[in-house]
Amino acid sequence: MSNMIRWNPFREMMSLRNEIDRLFDQSLNVDWPLDERGLQELALDLSETDDAYVVKASVPGIAADELDISLTDNVLAIKGEFKREEATENKRYHLRERRYGTFERSVRFPMQVQADQVEAAYDAGVLTLTVPKAEEVRPRRIAIKVGGNGQKVIEGNTAS
């Protein structure tokens, strides 16, 4: 049995590239990706059920009343600001990785939604929005009944 480790030149190149990227980011003091307008991007998750879309966004340190949420023409917009702590004379940072600045994120839903039925919840720094789909775009269950003469009768109704 051999204890030799196989040499992989690409592993060393990737390690060097990662270190150069880290140094470059530090020199520019880039803490979070910026969009084309210079605003920070808010990362979020968008999932779908039969009845609604669910949007989850991590916004730690921001009070619920400091978030601006709107839904217009099937476009959900979330705006806010991560505020930087005020510096004090006797505090020196050794590492500062938390994100600061304004953010704005918009998402267009692929189907019509009910803007007046949106539910918002905020717990432990996670914003959860439940956006119901419009009735006319929800899936419909179709039941097939076999008639007395062997013919199939198709009836439709909205799924619950």
C-alpha atoms as a PDB file:
ATOM      1  CA  MET A   1       0.000   0.000   0.000  1.00  0.00           C
ATOM      2  CA  SER A   2       1.325   3.418  -0.931  1.00  0.00           C
ATOM      3  CA  ASN A   3       0.892   6.645   1.009  1.00  0.00           C
ATOM      4  CA  MET A   4       1.710   8.809  -1.976  1.00  0.00           C
ATOM      5  CA  ILE A   5      -0.714  11.519  -3.003  1.00  0.00           C
ATOM      6  CA  ARG A   6      -1.217  11.955  -6.690  1.00  0.00           C
ATOM      7  CA  TRP A   7      -0.104  15.394  -7.879  1.00  0.00           C
ATOM      8  CA  ASN A   8      -2.739  17.423  -9.661  1.00  0.00           C
ATOM      9  CA  PRO A   9      -1.392  20.639 -11.247  1.00  0.00           C
ATOM     10  CA  PHE A  10      -4.920  22.043 -11.677  1.00  0.00           C
ATOM     11  CA  ARG A  11      -5.556  21.894  -7.930  1.00  0.00           C
ATOM     12  CA  GLU A  12      -2.585  24.194  -7.351  1.00  0.00           C
ATOM     13  CA  MET A  13      -3.689  26.568 -10.120  1.00  0.00           C
ATOM     14  CA  MET A  14      -7.216  26.780  -8.676  1.00  0.00           C
ATOM     15  CA  SER A  15      -5.795  27.445  -5.236  1.00  0.00           C
ATOM     16  CA  LEU A  16      -3.676  30.268  -6.667  1.00  0.00           C
ATOM     17  CA  ARG A  17      -6.653  31.669  -8.580  1.00  0.00           C
ATOM     18  CA  ASN A  18      -8.856  31.623  -5.466  1.00  0.00           C
ATOM     19  CA  GLU A  19      -6.181  33.463  -3.491  1.00  0.00           C
ATOM     20  CA  ILE A  20      -5.784  36.103  -6.235  1.00  0.00           C
ATOM     21  CA  ASP A  21      -9.584  36.566  -6.371  1.00  0.00           C
ATOM     22  CA  ARG A  22      -9.710  36.991  -2.593  1.00  0.00           C
ATOM     23  CA  LEU A  23      -6.906  39.579  -2.633  1.00  0.00           C
ATOM     24  CA  PHE A  24      -8.505  41.446  -5.535  1.00  0.00           C
ATOM     25  CA  ASP A  25     -11.888  41.536  -3.762  1.00  0.00           C
ATOM     26  CA  GLN A  26     -10.255  42.784  -0.566  1.00  0.00           C
ATOM     27  CA  SER A  27      -8.412  45.541  -2.399  1.00  0.00           C
ATOM     28  CA  LEU A  28     -11.687  46.792  -3.900  1.00  0.00           C
ATOM     29  CA  ASN A  29     -13.543  46.278  -0.613  1.00  0.00           C
ATOM     30  CA  VAL A  30     -16.257  44.379  -2.455  1.00  0.00           C
ATOM     31  CA  ASP A  31     -18.511  42.807   0.143  1.00  0.00           C
ATOM     32  CA  TRP A  32     -21.503  41.787  -1.943  1.00  0.00           C
ATOM     33  CA  PRO A  33     -22.283  41.604  -5.664  1.00  0.00           C
ATOM     34  CA  LEU A  34     -23.566  44.870  -7.075  1.00  0.00           C
ATOM     35  CA  ASP A  35     -25.988  45.238  -9.942  1.00  0.00           C
ATOM     36  CA  GLU A  36     -25.513  47.618 -12.867  1.00  0.00           C
ATOM     37  CA  ARG A  37     -26.887  50.556 -10.840  1.00  0.00           C
ATOM     38  CA  GLY A  38     -24.466  50.014  -7.957  1.00  0.00           C
ATOM     39  CA  LEU A  39     -27.121  48.503  -5.682  1.00  0.00           C
ATOM     40  CA  GLN A  40     -26.462  45.303  -3.796  1.00  0.00           C
ATOM     41  CA  GLU A  41     -28.280  42.185  -4.994  1.00  0.00           C
ATOM     42  CA  LEU A  42     -30.575  40.462  -2.531  1.00  0.00           C
ATOM     43  CA  ALA A  43     -30.357  36.686  -2.774  1.00  0.00           C
ATOM     44  CA  LEU A  44     -33.691  34.928  -2.547  1.00  0.00           C
ATOM     45  CA  ASP A  45     -35.439  31.622  -3.108  1.00  0.00           C
ATOM     46  CA  LEU A  46     -38.569  31.341  -5.260  1.00  0.00           C
ATOM     47  CA  SER A  47     -40.607  28.148  -5.089  1.00  0.00           C
ATOM     48  CA  GLU A  48     -44.023  27.188  -6.419  1.00  0.00           C
ATOM     49  CA  THR A  49     -46.965  25.112  -5.231  1.00  0.00           C
ATOM     50  CA  ASP A  50     -50.202  24.412  -7.102  1.00  0.00           C
ATOM     51  CA  ASP A  51     -51.821  27.451  -5.476  1.00  0.00           C
ATOM     52  CA  ALA A  52     -49.054  29.994  -4.854  1.00  0.00           C
ATOM     53  CA  TYR A  53     -45.483  31.181  -5.232  1.00  0.00           C
ATOM     54  CA  VAL A  54     -43.342  31.353  -2.096  1.00  0.00           C
ATOM     55  CA  VAL A  55     -40.474  33.856  -1.915  1.00  0.00           C
ATOM     56  CA  LYS A  56     -37.889  33.674   0.883  1.00  0.00           C
ATOM     57  CA  ALA A  57     -35.204  36.309   1.399  1.00  0.00           C
ATOM     58  CA  SER A  58     -32.561  36.579   4.125  1.00  0.00           C
ATOM     59  CA  VAL A  59     -32.560  40.105   5.525  1.00  0.00           C
ATOM     60  CA  PRO A  60     -30.840  39.812   8.927  1.00  0.00           C
ATOM     61  CA  GLY A  61     -30.572  42.956  10.998  1.00  0.00           C
ATOM     62  CA  ILE A  62     -33.370  44.772   9.194  1.00  0.00           C
ATOM     63  CA  ALA A  63     -36.628  45.420  11.036  1.00  0.00           C
ATOM     64  CA  ALA A  64     -39.774  44.340   9.201  1.00  0.00           C
ATOM     65  CA  ASP A  65     -41.026  47.946   9.043  1.00  0.00           C
ATOM     66  CA  GLU A  66     -37.794  49.029   7.284  1.00  0.00           C
ATOM     67  CA  LEU A  67     -38.508  46.824   4.259  1.00  0.00           C
ATOM     68  CA  ASP A  68     -40.383  48.211   1.250  1.00  0.00           C
ATOM     69  CA  ILE A  69     -42.334  45.473  -0.536  1.00  0.00           C
ATOM     70  CA  SER A  70     -44.587  46.086  -3.542  1.00  0.00           C
ATOM     71  CA  LEU A  71     -46.326  44.016  -6.212  1.00  0.00           C
ATOM     72  CA  THR A  72     -47.282  45.746  -9.456  1.00  0.00           C
ATOM     73  CA  ASP A  73     -48.123  44.130 -12.811  1.00  0.00           C
ATOM     74  CA  ASN A  74     -46.920  40.695 -11.651  1.00  0.00           C
ATOM     75  CA  VAL A  75     -43.549  42.113 -10.520  1.00  0.00           C
ATOM     76  CA  LEU A  76     -42.578  41.761  -6.869  1.00  0.00           C
ATOM     77  CA  ALA A  77     -40.078  44.368  -5.606  1.00  0.00           C
ATOM     78  CA  ILE A  78     -38.220  44.216  -2.277  1.00  0.00           C
ATOM     79  CA  LYS A  79     -36.137  47.216  -1.157  1.00  0.00           C
ATOM     80  CA  GLY A  80     -34.206  48.009   1.991  1.00  0.00           C
ATOM     81  CA  GLU A  81     -30.858  48.929   3.487  1.00  0.00           C
ATOM     82  CA  PHE A  82     -28.276  47.109   5.556  1.00  0.00           C
ATOM     83  CA  LYS A  83     -26.952  49.852   7.819  1.00  0.00           C
ATOM     84  CA  ARG A  84     -23.304  50.019   8.837  1.00  0.00           C
ATOM     85  CA  GLU A  85     -22.471  50.286  12.528  1.00  0.00           C
ATOM     86  CA  GLU A  86     -21.108  53.630  13.597  1.00  0.00           C
ATOM     87  CA  ALA A  87     -17.364  53.483  14.263  1.00  0.00           C
ATOM     88  CA  THR A  88     -16.099  54.043  17.775  1.00  0.00           C
ATOM     89  CA  GLU A  89     -12.677  55.296  18.762  1.00  0.00           C
ATOM     90  CA  ASN A  90     -11.612  52.249  20.719  1.00  0.00           C
ATOM     91  CA  LYS A  91     -12.783  49.610  18.228  1.00  0.00           C
ATOM     92  CA  ARG A  92     -10.483  48.110  15.596  1.00  0.00           C
ATOM     93  CA  TYR A  93     -11.774  45.592  13.078  1.00  0.00           C
ATOM     94  CA  HIS A  94      -9.680  42.562  12.208  1.00  0.00           C
ATOM     95  CA  LEU A  95     -12.282  41.235   9.828  1.00  0.00           C
ATOM     96  CA  ARG A  96     -15.353  42.920   8.372  1.00  0.00           C
ATOM     97  CA  GLU A  97     -17.438  40.712   6.106  1.00  0.00           C
ATOM     98  CA  ARG A  98     -21.022  41.708   6.813  1.00  0.00           C
ATOM     99  CA  ARG A  99     -22.836  43.458   3.973  1.00  0.00           C
ATOM    100  CA  TYR A 100     -23.898  47.098   4.076  1.00  0.00           C
ATOM    101  CA  GLY A 101     -25.778  49.424   1.777  1.00  0.00           C
ATOM    102  CA  THR A 102     -29.064  49.599  -0.066  1.00  0.00           C
ATOM    103  CA  PHE A 103     -30.532  46.715  -1.996  1.00  0.00           C
ATOM    104  CA  GLU A 104     -33.383  46.251  -4.416  1.00  0.00           C
ATOM    105  CA  ARG A 105     -34.606  43.029  -5.956  1.00  0.00           C
ATOM    106  CA  SER A 106     -37.436  42.481  -8.436  1.00  0.00           C
ATOM    107  CA  VAL A 107     -38.973  39.218  -9.586  1.00  0.00           C
ATOM    108  CA  ARG A 108     -41.542  38.777 -12.359  1.00  0.00           C
ATOM    109  CA  PHE A 109     -43.913  35.879 -11.783  1.00  0.00           C
ATOM    110  CA  PRO A 110     -44.496  33.690 -14.864  1.00  0.00           C
ATOM    111  CA  MET A 111     -48.270  33.497 -14.238  1.00  0.00           C
ATOM    112  CA  GLN A 112     -50.895  35.956 -13.025  1.00  0.00           C
ATOM    113  CA  VAL A 113     -51.031  36.371  -9.240  1.00  0.00           C
ATOM    114  CA  GLN A 114     -53.500  37.855  -6.762  1.00  0.00           C
ATOM    115  CA  ALA A 115     -51.762  41.009  -5.535  1.00  0.00           C
ATOM    116  CA  ASP A 116     -54.417  41.712  -2.903  1.00  0.00           C
ATOM    117  CA  GLN A 117     -53.977  38.276  -1.274  1.00  0.00           C
ATOM    118  CA  VAL A 118     -50.198  38.334  -0.595  1.00  0.00           C
ATOM    119  CA  GLU A 119     -49.162  37.206   2.886  1.00  0.00           C
ATOM    120  CA  ALA A 120     -45.863  38.339   4.433  1.00  0.00           C
ATOM    121  CA  ALA A 121     -44.115  36.848   7.467  1.00  0.00           C
ATOM    122  CA  TYR A 122     -40.811  37.805   9.076  1.00  0.00           C
ATOM    123  CA  ASP A 123     -39.030  35.447  11.461  1.00  0.00           C
ATOM    124  CA  ALA A 124     -35.400  35.359  12.616  1.00  0.00           C
ATOM    125  CA  GLY A 125     -34.209  37.556   9.735  1.00  0.00           C
ATOM    126  CA  VAL A 126     -36.021  35.608   7.009  1.00  0.00           C
ATOM    127  CA  LEU A 127     -38.780  37.310   5.019  1.00  0.00           C
ATOM    128  CA  THR A 128     -41.354  34.877   3.591  1.00  0.00           C
ATOM    129  CA  LEU A 129     -43.930  36.053   1.048  1.00  0.00           C
ATOM    130  CA  THR A 130     -46.748  33.788  -0.100  1.00  0.00           C
ATOM    131  CA  VAL A 131     -48.194  35.057  -3.384  1.00  0.00           C
ATOM    132  CA  PRO A 132     -51.376  33.217  -4.482  1.00  0.00           C
ATOM    133  CA  LYS A 133     -51.815  32.424  -8.154  1.00  0.00           C
ATOM    134  CA  ALA A 134     -54.869  33.810  -9.916  1.00  0.00           C
ATOM    135  CA  GLU A 135     -57.798  31.365  -9.947  1.00  0.00           C
ATOM    136  CA  GLU A 136     -57.795  31.075 -13.741  1.00  0.00           C
ATOM    137  CA  VAL A 137     -54.193  29.776 -13.865  1.00  0.00           C
ATOM    138  CA  ARG A 138     -54.438  27.202 -11.074  1.00  0.00           C
ATOM    139  CA  PRO A 139     -54.406  23.549 -12.176  1.00  0.00           C
ATOM    140  CA  ARG A 140     -57.819  21.986 -12.629  1.00  0.00           C
ATOM    141  CA  ARG A 141     -58.636  18.389 -11.805  1.00  0.00           C
ATOM    142  CA  ILE A 142     -60.751  16.637 -14.392  1.00  0.00           C
ATOM    143  CA  ALA A 143     -62.845  13.671 -13.302  1.00  0.00           C
ATOM    144  CA  ILE A 144     -63.881  11.063 -15.827  1.00  0.00           C
ATOM    145  CA  LYS A 145     -67.246   9.357 -15.314  1.00  0.00           C
ATOM    146  CA  VAL A 146     -68.245   6.357 -17.311  1.00  0.00           C
ATOM    147  CA  GLY A 147     -71.864   6.666 -18.441  1.00  0.00           C
ATOM    148  CA  GLY A 148     -74.420   3.845 -18.424  1.00  0.00           C
ATOM    149  CA  ASN A 149     -73.954   3.338 -22.163  1.00  0.00           C
ATOM    150  CA  GLY A 150     -70.145   3.012 -21.877  1.00  0.00           C
ATOM    151  CA  GLN A 151     -69.429   6.589 -22.961  1.00  0.00           C
ATOM    152  CA  LYS A 152     -66.979   8.658 -20.921  1.00  0.00           C
ATOM    153  CA  VAL A 153     -68.231  11.944 -19.529  1.00  0.00           C
ATOM    154  CA  ILE A 154     -65.602  14.539 -18.608  1.00  0.00           C
ATOM    155  CA  GLU A 155     -66.351  17.127 -15.947  1.00  0.00           C
ATOM    156  CA  GLY A 156     -63.978  19.801 -14.693  1.00  0.00           C
ATOM    157  CA  ASN A 157     -63.688  21.689 -11.444  1.00  0.00           C
ATOM    158  CA  THR A 158     -61.064  23.773  -9.675  1.00  0.00           C
ATOM    159  CA  ALA A 159     -58.646  21.764  -7.524  1.00  0.00           C
ATOM    160  CA  SER A 160     -58.730  22.564  -3.833  1.00  0.00           C
END
